[in-house]
């Protein structure tokens, strides 16, 4: 499941709780979580487990960005050895953690990935980076090809470590993990299961429908690739369901 699908599922399950997305650089994602700007975020491993929790999601393909008229544009993939004679740019915000970068290094490293993209477009070197960043910085005069025999970036869902994550954060984690709306694994579902209800009452919980967390206007935030900004209030919500129907009169 992709981030766009997570957002769609969230909106289907919690239409009254807005989920705001905020795009930040990889270097800014951890700060957004620690400062409370975002509740959860897509980040790149490793994660400092002292104050953050994380669930590894997937490993991202590494690509090399080249001008459209470059020789590499005619092939499907490029190996690290193929870059031996090429000037390869490694910006200061690089996320791949190279031990032995392929190609010839530039005299000065670009400050950001965006700066490196501009240099590639100007015909000054090539750029190796995760595929999602190549898509983010897409230009009509550039293309990219899969780069083999090089490090790859691992992406994780992360949030601020705590004994218990807030209900809305737990809800988003459940969506990412693929829990269904009626899953008993979620904290809210477990809480509902533990609440004893009168037998004579009929309501949403008895029918198996989950309670809707939060109040209209409260929000959840996701951070990273993409990240999210708080909208309309703090993340959380009461997590209490409602029961409906009329109790039977005892005779």
Protein backbone atom coordinates (compact mmCIF):
# COMPACT_ATOMS: atom_id res chain seq x y z
CA UNK A 1 0.00 0.00 0.00
CA UNK A 2 1.32 3.45 -0.91
CA UNK A 3 1.04 6.72 1.08
CA UNK A 4 -1.75 7.95 -1.21
CA UNK A 5 -3.76 4.83 -0.38
CA UNK A 6 -3.14 5.31 3.34
CA UNK A 7 -4.58 8.80 3.08
CA UNK A 8 -7.60 7.51 1.15
CA UNK A 9 -8.28 4.79 3.73
CA UNK A 10 -7.92 7.34 6.54
CA UNK A 11 -10.44 9.67 4.90
CA UNK A 12 -12.87 6.78 4.43
CA UNK A 13 -12.64 5.64 8.04
CA UNK A 14 -12.29 9.01 9.74
CA UNK A 15 -14.00 11.60 7.52
CA UNK A 16 -14.37 14.05 10.42
CA UNK A 17 -10.66 13.97 11.33
CA UNK A 18 -8.55 15.84 8.73
CA UNK A 19 -5.16 14.39 7.81
CA UNK A 20 -2.82 17.14 6.65
CA UNK A 21 0.32 16.27 4.68
CA UNK A 22 3.51 18.29 4.92
CA UNK A 23 6.48 17.73 2.60
CA UNK A 24 9.85 18.23 4.29
CA UNK A 25 13.41 17.25 3.48
CA UNK A 26 14.78 13.98 4.91
CA UNK A 27 16.94 16.00 7.30
CA UNK A 28 13.92 17.93 8.61
CA UNK A 29 11.63 14.92 9.16
CA UNK A 30 13.04 13.86 12.54
CA UNK A 31 12.89 17.41 13.85
CA UNK A 32 9.24 17.68 12.80
CA UNK A 33 8.43 14.62 14.91
CA UNK A 34 10.43 15.73 17.96
CA UNK A 35 9.04 19.26 17.90
CA UNK A 36 5.45 18.09 17.52
CA UNK A 37 4.99 19.66 14.10
CA UNK A 38 3.94 16.22 12.88
CA UNK A 39 2.53 13.14 14.59
CA UNK A 40 3.92 10.46 12.27
CA UNK A 41 6.34 10.55 9.37
CA UNK A 42 7.89 8.61 6.55
CA UNK A 43 11.60 8.71 7.33
CA UNK A 44 14.77 6.99 6.20
CA UNK A 45 16.50 4.49 8.45
CA UNK A 46 18.38 4.42 10.73
CA UNK A 47 16.16 5.98 13.41
CA UNK A 48 17.33 7.04 16.88
CA UNK A 49 15.36 4.61 19.06
CA UNK A 50 16.03 6.62 22.22
CA UNK A 51 13.10 8.92 21.51
CA UNK A 52 11.48 7.61 18.31
CA UNK A 53 9.60 4.45 17.40
CA UNK A 54 9.65 3.08 13.85
CA UNK A 55 8.25 0.35 11.62
CA UNK A 56 10.41 -0.55 8.59
CA UNK A 57 8.22 -0.46 5.47
CA UNK A 58 10.24 -1.04 2.31
CA UNK A 59 13.61 -0.66 0.61
CA UNK A 60 13.79 1.94 -2.11
CA UNK A 61 15.55 1.55 -5.46
CA UNK A 62 18.61 3.74 -6.06
CA UNK A 63 18.76 5.54 -9.41
CA UNK A 64 21.16 7.81 -11.27
CA UNK A 65 19.83 11.10 -12.69
CA UNK A 66 21.25 12.03 -16.10
CA UNK A 67 20.46 14.49 -18.93
CA UNK A 68 18.05 13.04 -21.49
CA UNK A 69 20.73 13.11 -24.18
CA UNK A 70 23.25 11.20 -22.03
CA UNK A 71 24.46 7.76 -23.14
CA UNK A 72 22.92 6.15 -20.04
CA UNK A 73 19.46 7.31 -21.13
CA UNK A 74 19.54 4.59 -23.81
CA UNK A 75 19.81 1.70 -21.30
CA UNK A 76 17.48 0.34 -18.62
CA UNK A 77 19.97 0.15 -15.77
CA UNK A 78 23.48 1.27 -14.88
CA UNK A 79 26.03 -0.41 -12.60
CA UNK A 80 28.40 1.27 -10.17
CA UNK A 81 31.32 0.31 -12.43
CA UNK A 82 29.68 2.15 -15.33
CA UNK A 83 30.09 5.38 -13.36
CA UNK A 84 33.88 5.01 -13.02
CA UNK A 85 34.69 7.77 -15.50
CA UNK A 86 31.70 9.99 -14.67
CA UNK A 87 31.63 13.00 -12.37
CA UNK A 88 29.09 12.00 -9.71
CA UNK A 89 27.60 14.55 -7.32
CA UNK A 90 27.03 13.78 -3.63
CA UNK A 91 25.09 16.61 -1.94
CA UNK A 92 25.49 17.32 1.76
CA UNK A 93 21.94 16.09 2.41
CA UNK A 94 22.67 12.72 0.77
CA UNK A 95 20.63 9.89 2.33
CA UNK A 96 22.47 6.80 1.05
CA UNK A 97 25.47 6.83 3.38
CA UNK A 98 28.14 5.85 0.86
CA UNK A 99 31.28 4.08 2.08
CA UNK A 100 32.97 4.13 -1.32
CA UNK A 101 31.04 6.39 -3.70
CA UNK A 102 31.31 5.37 -7.37
CA UNK A 103 32.55 7.72 -10.05
CA UNK A 104 34.76 10.79 -9.79
CA UNK A 105 33.95 13.13 -6.92
CA UNK A 106 33.45 16.84 -7.55
CA UNK A 107 35.80 19.32 -5.89
CA UNK A 108 32.90 20.72 -3.90
CA UNK A 109 29.73 18.98 -2.75
CA UNK A 110 26.40 20.67 -3.54
CA UNK A 111 24.60 21.81 -0.42
CA UNK A 112 21.26 20.20 -1.27
CA UNK A 113 19.77 17.62 -3.61
CA UNK A 114 17.93 20.43 -5.39
CA UNK A 115 21.26 22.16 -6.05
CA UNK A 116 22.72 18.92 -7.42
CA UNK A 117 19.75 18.51 -9.78
CA UNK A 118 20.41 21.98 -11.18
CA UNK A 119 24.04 21.04 -11.83
CA UNK A 120 23.04 17.84 -13.64
CA UNK A 121 20.66 19.87 -15.81
CA UNK A 122 23.55 22.21 -16.61
CA UNK A 123 25.67 19.26 -17.75
CA UNK A 124 27.90 19.22 -14.66
CA UNK A 125 27.95 15.63 -13.41
CA UNK A 126 25.40 12.95 -12.57
CA UNK A 127 23.48 12.32 -9.36
CA UNK A 128 22.73 9.06 -7.50
CA UNK A 129 19.79 9.10 -5.08
CA UNK A 130 16.64 7.18 -4.00
CA UNK A 131 13.99 6.89 -6.71
CA UNK A 132 11.36 8.89 -4.82
CA UNK A 133 13.70 11.89 -4.64
CA UNK A 134 14.36 11.62 -8.37
CA UNK A 135 10.61 11.77 -8.93
CA UNK A 136 10.25 14.68 -6.52
CA UNK A 137 12.84 16.71 -8.45
CA UNK A 138 11.62 15.64 -11.90
CA UNK A 139 12.51 17.88 -14.83
CA UNK A 140 11.63 17.51 -18.51
CA UNK A 141 15.29 17.74 -19.53
CA UNK A 142 16.42 14.98 -17.14
CA UNK A 143 15.72 11.29 -16.73
CA UNK A 144 16.90 8.54 -14.39
CA UNK A 145 17.92 4.90 -14.61
CA UNK A 146 18.16 2.13 -12.01
CA UNK A 147 21.61 2.02 -10.42
CA UNK A 148 22.83 -1.44 -9.34
CA UNK A 149 25.55 -2.62 -6.94
CA UNK A 150 25.10 0.42 -4.69
CA UNK A 151 23.50 1.13 -1.27
CA UNK A 152 19.73 1.41 -1.06
CA UNK A 153 17.58 3.49 1.25
CA UNK A 154 15.16 1.87 3.72
CA UNK A 155 11.97 3.76 4.50
CA UNK A 156 10.09 3.51 7.80
CA UNK A 157 7.03 4.94 9.50
CA UNK A 158 8.15 6.78 12.65
CA UNK A 159 6.55 8.59 15.58
CA UNK A 160 7.57 9.96 18.96
CA UNK A 161 8.26 7.13 21.41
CA UNK A 162 5.87 6.83 24.35
CA UNK A 163 4.45 4.14 26.60
CA UNK A 164 1.23 4.39 24.59
CA UNK A 165 0.86 6.16 21.25
CA UNK A 166 -2.12 8.56 20.97
CA UNK A 167 -5.26 6.94 19.60
CA UNK A 168 -5.11 8.71 16.23
CA UNK A 169 -1.44 7.81 15.78
CA UNK A 170 -2.29 4.20 16.59
CA UNK A 171 -5.12 4.39 14.05
CA UNK A 172 -2.72 5.53 11.32
CA UNK A 173 -0.21 2.82 12.26
CA UNK A 174 -2.99 0.28 11.89
CA UNK A 175 -3.85 1.56 8.42
CA UNK A 176 -0.21 1.34 7.35
CA UNK A 177 -0.01 -2.21 8.71
CA UNK A 178 -3.10 -3.16 6.74
CA UNK A 179 -5.53 -3.65 9.58
CA UNK A 180 -9.14 -3.76 8.48
CA UNK A 181 -11.84 -1.51 9.90
CA UNK A 182 -13.11 -4.42 12.05
CA UNK A 183 -9.68 -5.61 13.15
CA UNK A 184 -9.45 -6.49 16.84
CA UNK A 185 -5.74 -5.69 16.87
CA UNK A 186 -6.17 -1.93 17.10
CA UNK A 187 -6.09 -0.29 20.52
CA UNK A 188 -9.52 1.23 20.04
CA UNK A 189 -11.06 -2.07 19.05
CA UNK A 190 -9.47 -3.75 22.06
CA UNK A 191 -10.79 -1.02 24.34
CA UNK A 192 -14.28 -1.45 22.95
CA UNK A 193 -14.06 -5.20 23.36
CA UNK A 194 -13.17 -4.74 27.02
CA UNK A 195 -16.10 -2.46 27.76
CA UNK A 196 -19.02 -4.42 29.17
CA UNK A 197 -22.31 -3.41 27.59
CA UNK A 198 -25.84 -4.19 28.80
CA UNK A 199 -27.33 -7.10 26.88
CA UNK A 200 -30.54 -5.19 26.27
CA UNK A 201 -28.79 -2.37 24.40
CA UNK A 202 -28.31 -2.47 20.68
CA UNK A 203 -25.85 -0.07 19.13
CA UNK A 204 -22.89 0.58 16.91
CA UNK A 205 -20.43 -1.41 19.00
CA UNK A 206 -22.64 -4.48 19.20
CA UNK A 207 -23.02 -4.47 15.44
CA UNK A 208 -19.26 -4.48 15.05
CA UNK A 209 -18.93 -0.94 13.73
CA UNK A 210 -15.90 0.90 15.17
CA UNK A 211 -16.26 4.12 17.07
CA UNK A 212 -15.15 7.22 15.23
CA UNK A 213 -12.20 8.78 17.12
CA UNK A 214 -11.76 12.44 17.78
CA UNK A 215 -14.14 15.30 17.31
CA UNK A 216 -14.88 17.27 14.18
CA UNK A 217 -12.10 19.78 13.84
CA UNK A 218 -9.44 17.68 15.57
CA UNK A 219 -6.61 16.59 13.35
CA UNK A 220 -3.83 14.13 12.80
CA UNK A 221 -0.54 14.96 11.19
CA UNK A 222 1.89 12.89 9.17
CA UNK A 223 5.48 13.88 8.53
CA UNK A 224 8.38 12.99 6.28
CA UNK A 225 7.91 11.85 2.71
CA UNK A 226 5.22 13.25 2.87
CA UNK A 227 4.78 14.84 6.30
CA UNK A 228 1.80 16.42 7.85
CA UNK A 229 0.91 19.55 9.69
CA UNK A 230 -1.54 19.78 12.54
CA UNK A 231 -4.94 21.07 11.47
CA UNK A 232 -7.76 22.17 13.69
CA UNK A 233 -6.39 20.82 16.97
CA UNK A 234 -4.10 18.30 18.57
CA UNK A 235 -4.03 14.73 17.46
CA UNK A 236 -5.75 12.34 19.75
CA UNK A 237 -9.46 12.00 20.35
CA UNK A 238 -11.50 10.37 23.02
CA UNK A 239 -11.51 6.96 21.40
CA UNK A 240 -14.93 6.25 22.91
CA UNK A 241 -17.63 4.68 20.85
CA UNK A 242 -21.34 5.38 21.05
CA UNK A 243 -24.11 2.93 21.60
CA UNK A 244 -27.56 3.47 20.23
CA UNK A 245 -31.05 2.02 20.50
CA UNK A 246 -33.58 1.95 23.35
CA UNK A 247 -33.18 -0.32 26.37
CA UNK A 248 -35.92 -2.83 26.91
CA UNK A 249 -38.24 -2.23 29.82
CA UNK A 250 -37.82 -4.78 32.54
CA UNK A 251 -40.97 -6.51 33.59
